[in-house]
């Protein structure tokens, strides 16, 4: 029973949006197919969860992504 957790940032600031519903459906279908193709996993028992993380809650290089992007503007 595979469980895959995909984390993506919400774009456009604290009230921004992440991937569209169509993009999420493509991610879920693609990951499920990949697990079936590579590992022979049954799609009926494959779980894919997508978490959307606000940019203030995502950090890299010791900073929040909002800070990094503000410097790039």
C-alpha atoms as a PDB file:
ATOM      1  CA  UNK A   1       0.000   0.000   0.000  1.00  0.00           C
ATOM      2  CA  UNK A   2       2.108   2.926  -1.229  1.00  0.00           C
ATOM      3  CA  UNK A   3       1.588   6.344   0.294  1.00  0.00           C
ATOM      4  CA  UNK A   4       3.082   9.348  -1.513  1.00  0.00           C
ATOM      5  CA  UNK A   5       3.035  12.856  -0.032  1.00  0.00           C
ATOM      6  CA  UNK A   6       3.671  15.731  -2.447  1.00  0.00           C
ATOM      7  CA  UNK A   7       4.339  19.150  -0.944  1.00  0.00           C
ATOM      8  CA  UNK A   8       4.083  22.288  -3.062  1.00  0.00           C
ATOM      9  CA  UNK A   9       4.088  25.976  -2.253  1.00  0.00           C
ATOM     10  CA  UNK A  10       1.041  28.177  -2.510  1.00  0.00           C
ATOM     11  CA  UNK A  11       1.965  30.862  -4.998  1.00  0.00           C
ATOM     12  CA  UNK A  12       0.948  34.507  -4.907  1.00  0.00           C
ATOM     13  CA  UNK A  13       1.483  35.308  -1.244  1.00  0.00           C
ATOM     14  CA  UNK A  14      -0.234  34.131   1.939  1.00  0.00           C
ATOM     15  CA  UNK A  15      -3.651  33.936   0.252  1.00  0.00           C
ATOM     16  CA  UNK A  16      -2.250  32.646  -3.022  1.00  0.00           C
ATOM     17  CA  UNK A  17      -3.160  29.521  -4.845  1.00  0.00           C
ATOM     18  CA  UNK A  18      -1.186  26.432  -5.582  1.00  0.00           C
ATOM     19  CA  UNK A  19      -1.678  23.997  -8.433  1.00  0.00           C
ATOM     20  CA  UNK A  20      -5.062  23.936 -10.155  1.00  0.00           C
ATOM     21  CA  UNK A  21      -7.455  21.039  -9.667  1.00  0.00           C
ATOM     22  CA  UNK A  22      -6.488  19.759 -13.121  1.00  0.00           C
ATOM     23  CA  UNK A  23      -2.770  19.894 -12.280  1.00  0.00           C
ATOM     24  CA  UNK A  24      -3.393  18.008  -9.018  1.00  0.00           C
ATOM     25  CA  UNK A  25      -5.336  15.339 -10.916  1.00  0.00           C
ATOM     26  CA  UNK A  26      -2.396  14.983 -13.324  1.00  0.00           C
ATOM     27  CA  UNK A  27       0.057  14.648 -10.426  1.00  0.00           C
ATOM     28  CA  UNK A  28      -2.067  11.990  -8.742  1.00  0.00           C
ATOM     29  CA  UNK A  29      -2.550  10.021 -11.964  1.00  0.00           C
ATOM     30  CA  UNK A  30       1.106  10.320 -12.941  1.00  0.00           C
ATOM     31  CA  UNK A  31       2.514   9.235  -9.583  1.00  0.00           C
ATOM     32  CA  UNK A  32       0.062   6.346  -9.396  1.00  0.00           C
ATOM     33  CA  UNK A  33       1.051   5.194 -12.891  1.00  0.00           C
ATOM     34  CA  UNK A  34       4.762   5.539 -12.093  1.00  0.00           C
ATOM     35  CA  UNK A  35       4.423   3.319  -9.015  1.00  0.00           C
ATOM     36  CA  UNK A  36       2.545   0.752 -11.067  1.00  0.00           C
ATOM     37  CA  UNK A  37       5.091   0.818 -13.910  1.00  0.00           C
ATOM     38  CA  UNK A  38       8.260   0.802 -11.792  1.00  0.00           C
ATOM     39  CA  UNK A  39       7.282  -1.188  -8.714  1.00  0.00           C
ATOM     40  CA  UNK A  40       4.218  -3.099  -9.883  1.00  0.00           C
ATOM     41  CA  UNK A  41       2.027  -1.441  -7.236  1.00  0.00           C
ATOM     42  CA  UNK A  42      -1.737  -1.750  -7.468  1.00  0.00           C
ATOM     43  CA  UNK A  43      -3.376   1.631  -8.237  1.00  0.00           C
ATOM     44  CA  UNK A  44      -6.361   0.620  -6.104  1.00  0.00           C
ATOM     45  CA  UNK A  45      -4.177   0.639  -3.001  1.00  0.00           C
ATOM     46  CA  UNK A  46      -1.947   3.611  -3.888  1.00  0.00           C
ATOM     47  CA  UNK A  47      -2.568   6.809  -1.933  1.00  0.00           C
ATOM     48  CA  UNK A  48      -1.330  10.227  -3.081  1.00  0.00           C
ATOM     49  CA  UNK A  49      -1.720  13.297  -0.868  1.00  0.00           C
ATOM     50  CA  UNK A  50      -0.917  16.835  -1.998  1.00  0.00           C
ATOM     51  CA  UNK A  51      -0.139  19.412   0.702  1.00  0.00           C
ATOM     52  CA  UNK A  52      -0.074  23.091  -0.224  1.00  0.00           C
ATOM     53  CA  UNK A  53       2.281  25.053   1.999  1.00  0.00           C
ATOM     54  CA  UNK A  54       2.101  28.848   2.397  1.00  0.00           C
ATOM     55  CA  UNK A  55       5.304  30.551   1.236  1.00  0.00           C
ATOM     56  CA  UNK A  56       5.930  31.852   4.772  1.00  0.00           C
ATOM     57  CA  UNK A  57       6.031  28.227   5.962  1.00  0.00           C
ATOM     58  CA  UNK A  58       8.545  27.074   3.323  1.00  0.00           C
ATOM     59  CA  UNK A  59      12.195  27.845   3.876  1.00  0.00           C
ATOM     60  CA  UNK A  60      15.471  27.393   2.101  1.00  0.00           C
ATOM     61  CA  UNK A  61      18.894  28.985   2.404  1.00  0.00           C
ATOM     62  CA  UNK A  62      17.948  29.930   5.985  1.00  0.00           C
ATOM     63  CA  UNK A  63      15.084  32.171   4.864  1.00  0.00           C
ATOM     64  CA  UNK A  64      11.380  32.057   4.120  1.00  0.00           C
ATOM     65  CA  UNK A  65      10.578  31.763   0.427  1.00  0.00           C
ATOM     66  CA  UNK A  66       8.650  35.051   0.696  1.00  0.00           C
ATOM     67  CA  UNK A  67      11.889  36.793   1.744  1.00  0.00           C
ATOM     68  CA  UNK A  68      13.894  35.199  -1.052  1.00  0.00           C
ATOM     69  CA  UNK A  69      11.331  36.161  -3.685  1.00  0.00           C
ATOM     70  CA  UNK A  70      11.050  39.713  -2.356  1.00  0.00           C
ATOM     71  CA  UNK A  71      14.784  40.164  -2.941  1.00  0.00           C
ATOM     72  CA  UNK A  72      14.461  38.832  -6.490  1.00  0.00           C
ATOM     73  CA  UNK A  73      11.766  41.360  -7.435  1.00  0.00           C
END
